[in-house]
């Protein structure tokens, strides 16, 4: 499973906030309304390539509200605009399709992907193409 860099920063770190969702990003949207305080969002979209969980509007909110970055086990869209933002964005791939808006998903539960289990509050360190 290879993660690609889509944001303007390839190196970022911070305490994790975990989110689980499948093809809907309402929990992510609500979390992005919070103060980021340098934290990293770790989103398990179950590696779905059927829609993007983050685009330019939410990416701008990620930066504006003070998050260090986001790691998505899924897809993003609007990559040209995401690349201009001084924030880290890692995802598996791109997809032009918007996600659903159903309030389905969890926040704060452990997520496991790429052989790593991450809990809310864990420190996450990301570098070009990888994270731990």
C-alpha atoms as a PDB file:
ATOM      1  CA  UNK A   1       0.000   0.000   0.000  1.00  0.00           C
ATOM      2  CA  UNK A   2       1.744   3.153  -1.164  1.00  0.00           C
ATOM      3  CA  UNK A   3       0.849   6.587   0.106  1.00  0.00           C
ATOM      4  CA  UNK A   4       1.431   9.591  -2.115  1.00  0.00           C
ATOM      5  CA  UNK A   5       1.978  13.203  -1.137  1.00  0.00           C
ATOM      6  CA  UNK A   6      -0.630  15.689  -2.358  1.00  0.00           C
ATOM      7  CA  UNK A   7      -0.155  18.652  -0.011  1.00  0.00           C
ATOM      8  CA  UNK A   8       2.469  21.367  -0.143  1.00  0.00           C
ATOM      9  CA  UNK A   9       4.352  19.810   2.802  1.00  0.00           C
ATOM     10  CA  UNK A  10       5.823  16.306   2.646  1.00  0.00           C
ATOM     11  CA  UNK A  11       7.100  16.360   6.244  1.00  0.00           C
ATOM     12  CA  UNK A  12       4.689  16.906   9.099  1.00  0.00           C
ATOM     13  CA  UNK A  13       3.971  15.575  12.558  1.00  0.00           C
ATOM     14  CA  UNK A  14       1.605  15.957  15.470  1.00  0.00           C
ATOM     15  CA  UNK A  15      -0.768  14.153  17.790  1.00  0.00           C
ATOM     16  CA  UNK A  16      -3.272  12.001  15.924  1.00  0.00           C
ATOM     17  CA  UNK A  17      -7.021  12.363  15.729  1.00  0.00           C
ATOM     18  CA  UNK A  18      -8.417   9.148  14.270  1.00  0.00           C
ATOM     19  CA  UNK A  19     -11.481   8.879  12.052  1.00  0.00           C
ATOM     20  CA  UNK A  20     -13.099   5.857  10.425  1.00  0.00           C
ATOM     21  CA  UNK A  21     -15.450   6.379   7.504  1.00  0.00           C
ATOM     22  CA  UNK A  22     -16.361   4.691   4.240  1.00  0.00           C
ATOM     23  CA  UNK A  23     -17.297   6.816   1.245  1.00  0.00           C
ATOM     24  CA  UNK A  24     -18.762   9.574   3.404  1.00  0.00           C
ATOM     25  CA  UNK A  25     -16.871  12.435   5.007  1.00  0.00           C
ATOM     26  CA  UNK A  26     -19.330  14.041   7.414  1.00  0.00           C
ATOM     27  CA  UNK A  27     -17.318  13.073  10.525  1.00  0.00           C
ATOM     28  CA  UNK A  28     -14.196  14.482   8.851  1.00  0.00           C
ATOM     29  CA  UNK A  29     -16.032  17.710   7.937  1.00  0.00           C
ATOM     30  CA  UNK A  30     -17.182  18.167  11.544  1.00  0.00           C
ATOM     31  CA  UNK A  31     -13.690  17.485  12.906  1.00  0.00           C
ATOM     32  CA  UNK A  32     -12.184  20.083  10.577  1.00  0.00           C
ATOM     33  CA  UNK A  33     -14.369  22.711  12.274  1.00  0.00           C
ATOM     34  CA  UNK A  34     -12.286  22.236  15.452  1.00  0.00           C
ATOM     35  CA  UNK A  35      -9.028  24.001  16.263  1.00  0.00           C
ATOM     36  CA  UNK A  36      -6.280  21.819  14.808  1.00  0.00           C
ATOM     37  CA  UNK A  37      -3.547  22.758  17.304  1.00  0.00           C
ATOM     38  CA  UNK A  38      -0.911  21.151  15.060  1.00  0.00           C
ATOM     39  CA  UNK A  39      -2.564  17.737  15.153  1.00  0.00           C
ATOM     40  CA  UNK A  40      -2.669  15.191  12.318  1.00  0.00           C
ATOM     41  CA  UNK A  41      -5.919  13.650  11.113  1.00  0.00           C
ATOM     42  CA  UNK A  42      -5.585   9.930  10.420  1.00  0.00           C
ATOM     43  CA  UNK A  43      -8.553   8.785   8.346  1.00  0.00           C
ATOM     44  CA  UNK A  44      -9.309   5.149   7.577  1.00  0.00           C
ATOM     45  CA  UNK A  45     -11.465   5.203   4.460  1.00  0.00           C
ATOM     46  CA  UNK A  46     -10.928   1.436   4.101  1.00  0.00           C
ATOM     47  CA  UNK A  47      -8.764   2.028   0.999  1.00  0.00           C
ATOM     48  CA  UNK A  48     -11.842   2.823  -1.094  1.00  0.00           C
ATOM     49  CA  UNK A  49     -11.045   4.271  -4.499  1.00  0.00           C
ATOM     50  CA  UNK A  50     -14.694   4.953  -5.378  1.00  0.00           C
ATOM     51  CA  UNK A  51     -14.710   8.544  -4.057  1.00  0.00           C
ATOM     52  CA  UNK A  52     -12.469  11.219  -2.557  1.00  0.00           C
ATOM     53  CA  UNK A  53     -12.723  12.048   1.142  1.00  0.00           C
ATOM     54  CA  UNK A  54     -10.835  15.371   0.863  1.00  0.00           C
ATOM     55  CA  UNK A  55     -10.739  18.115  -1.757  1.00  0.00           C
ATOM     56  CA  UNK A  56      -9.634  21.718  -2.019  1.00  0.00           C
ATOM     57  CA  UNK A  57     -12.342  23.191   0.244  1.00  0.00           C
ATOM     58  CA  UNK A  58     -11.713  20.811   3.144  1.00  0.00           C
ATOM     59  CA  UNK A  59      -7.969  21.021   2.489  1.00  0.00           C
ATOM     60  CA  UNK A  60      -8.118  24.793   2.905  1.00  0.00           C
ATOM     61  CA  UNK A  61     -10.053  24.322   6.148  1.00  0.00           C
ATOM     62  CA  UNK A  62      -7.402  21.822   7.313  1.00  0.00           C
ATOM     63  CA  UNK A  63      -4.756  24.521   6.886  1.00  0.00           C
ATOM     64  CA  UNK A  64      -6.847  27.472   8.095  1.00  0.00           C
ATOM     65  CA  UNK A  65      -7.829  25.736  11.354  1.00  0.00           C
ATOM     66  CA  UNK A  66      -4.256  24.802  12.250  1.00  0.00           C
ATOM     67  CA  UNK A  67      -3.915  21.088  11.504  1.00  0.00           C
ATOM     68  CA  UNK A  68      -0.422  19.889  10.611  1.00  0.00           C
ATOM     69  CA  UNK A  69      -1.679  17.403   8.039  1.00  0.00           C
ATOM     70  CA  UNK A  70      -3.890  14.480   7.134  1.00  0.00           C
ATOM     71  CA  UNK A  71      -3.223  10.854   6.209  1.00  0.00           C
ATOM     72  CA  UNK A  72      -6.077   9.192   4.318  1.00  0.00           C
ATOM     73  CA  UNK A  73      -6.403   5.481   3.674  1.00  0.00           C
ATOM     74  CA  UNK A  74      -8.425   6.423   0.609  1.00  0.00           C
ATOM     75  CA  UNK A  75      -8.528   9.112  -2.075  1.00  0.00           C
ATOM     76  CA  UNK A  76      -8.380  12.881  -2.506  1.00  0.00           C
ATOM     77  CA  UNK A  77      -9.410  15.252  -5.308  1.00  0.00           C
ATOM     78  CA  UNK A  78      -8.476  18.776  -6.451  1.00  0.00           C
ATOM     79  CA  UNK A  79      -4.807  17.857  -6.181  1.00  0.00           C
ATOM     80  CA  UNK A  80      -3.472  20.950  -7.938  1.00  0.00           C
ATOM     81  CA  UNK A  81      -5.037  23.163  -5.266  1.00  0.00           C
ATOM     82  CA  UNK A  82      -4.066  20.818  -2.416  1.00  0.00           C
ATOM     83  CA  UNK A  83      -0.459  21.014  -3.583  1.00  0.00           C
ATOM     84  CA  UNK A  84      -0.463  24.787  -3.070  1.00  0.00           C
ATOM     85  CA  UNK A  85      -1.445  24.526   0.603  1.00  0.00           C
ATOM     86  CA  UNK A  86       1.325  24.568   3.254  1.00  0.00           C
ATOM     87  CA  UNK A  87      -0.057  21.443   4.920  1.00  0.00           C
ATOM     88  CA  UNK A  88       0.654  17.719   4.663  1.00  0.00           C
ATOM     89  CA  UNK A  89      -1.769  15.534   2.693  1.00  0.00           C
ATOM     90  CA  UNK A  90      -1.066  11.839   2.169  1.00  0.00           C
ATOM     91  CA  UNK A  91      -3.501   9.489   0.442  1.00  0.00           C
ATOM     92  CA  UNK A  92      -3.523   6.340  -1.648  1.00  0.00           C
ATOM     93  CA  UNK A  93      -4.765   7.897  -4.874  1.00  0.00           C
ATOM     94  CA  UNK A  94      -7.053  10.424  -6.509  1.00  0.00           C
ATOM     95  CA  UNK A  95     -10.700  10.189  -7.527  1.00  0.00           C
ATOM     96  CA  UNK A  96     -12.910  12.962  -8.951  1.00  0.00           C
ATOM     97  CA  UNK A  97     -16.088  11.625  -7.320  1.00  0.00           C
ATOM     98  CA  UNK A  98     -17.423  13.448  -4.247  1.00  0.00           C
ATOM     99  CA  UNK A  99     -18.221  11.393  -1.121  1.00  0.00           C
ATOM    100  CA  UNK A 100     -21.590  10.947   0.507  1.00  0.00           C
ATOM    101  CA  UNK A 101     -22.648  13.212   3.359  1.00  0.00           C
ATOM    102  CA  UNK A 102     -24.331  10.652   5.627  1.00  0.00           C
ATOM    103  CA  UNK A 103     -23.265  11.026   9.277  1.00  0.00           C
ATOM    104  CA  UNK A 104     -21.686   7.568   9.293  1.00  0.00           C
ATOM    105  CA  UNK A 105     -18.296   6.924  10.840  1.00  0.00           C
ATOM    106  CA  UNK A 106     -16.431   7.156  14.113  1.00  0.00           C
ATOM    107  CA  UNK A 107     -13.929   9.502  15.691  1.00  0.00           C
ATOM    108  CA  UNK A 108     -11.394   8.604  18.360  1.00  0.00           C
ATOM    109  CA  UNK A 109     -11.369   4.839  17.791  1.00  0.00           C
ATOM    110  CA  UNK A 110      -8.111   3.054  16.897  1.00  0.00           C
ATOM    111  CA  UNK A 111      -7.459   2.716  13.160  1.00  0.00           C
ATOM    112  CA  UNK A 112      -5.247   0.113  11.524  1.00  0.00           C
ATOM    113  CA  UNK A 113      -3.877   0.299   7.998  1.00  0.00           C
ATOM    114  CA  UNK A 114      -0.498  -0.048   6.287  1.00  0.00           C
ATOM    115  CA  UNK A 115       0.431  -2.450   9.096  1.00  0.00           C
ATOM    116  CA  UNK A 116       0.187   0.259  11.761  1.00  0.00           C
ATOM    117  CA  UNK A 117      -2.404   0.798  14.500  1.00  0.00           C
ATOM    118  CA  UNK A 118      -2.863   4.442  15.465  1.00  0.00           C
ATOM    119  CA  UNK A 119      -4.832   5.740  18.437  1.00  0.00           C
ATOM    120  CA  UNK A 120      -6.059   9.272  19.022  1.00  0.00           C
ATOM    121  CA  UNK A 121      -3.274  11.021  20.939  1.00  0.00           C
ATOM    122  CA  UNK A 122      -0.435   8.985  19.409  1.00  0.00           C
ATOM    123  CA  UNK A 123       2.327  11.011  17.799  1.00  0.00           C
ATOM    124  CA  UNK A 124       2.446  10.633  14.023  1.00  0.00           C
ATOM    125  CA  UNK A 125       5.518  11.471  11.953  1.00  0.00           C
ATOM    126  CA  UNK A 126       5.242  11.735   8.171  1.00  0.00           C
ATOM    127  CA  UNK A 127       7.984  12.061   5.597  1.00  0.00           C
ATOM    128  CA  UNK A 128       8.016  11.881   1.802  1.00  0.00           C
ATOM    129  CA  UNK A 129       5.800   8.921   0.916  1.00  0.00           C
ATOM    130  CA  UNK A 130       5.662   7.319   4.376  1.00  0.00           C
ATOM    131  CA  UNK A 131       4.551   7.727   7.968  1.00  0.00           C
ATOM    132  CA  UNK A 132       4.924   6.095  11.381  1.00  0.00           C
END
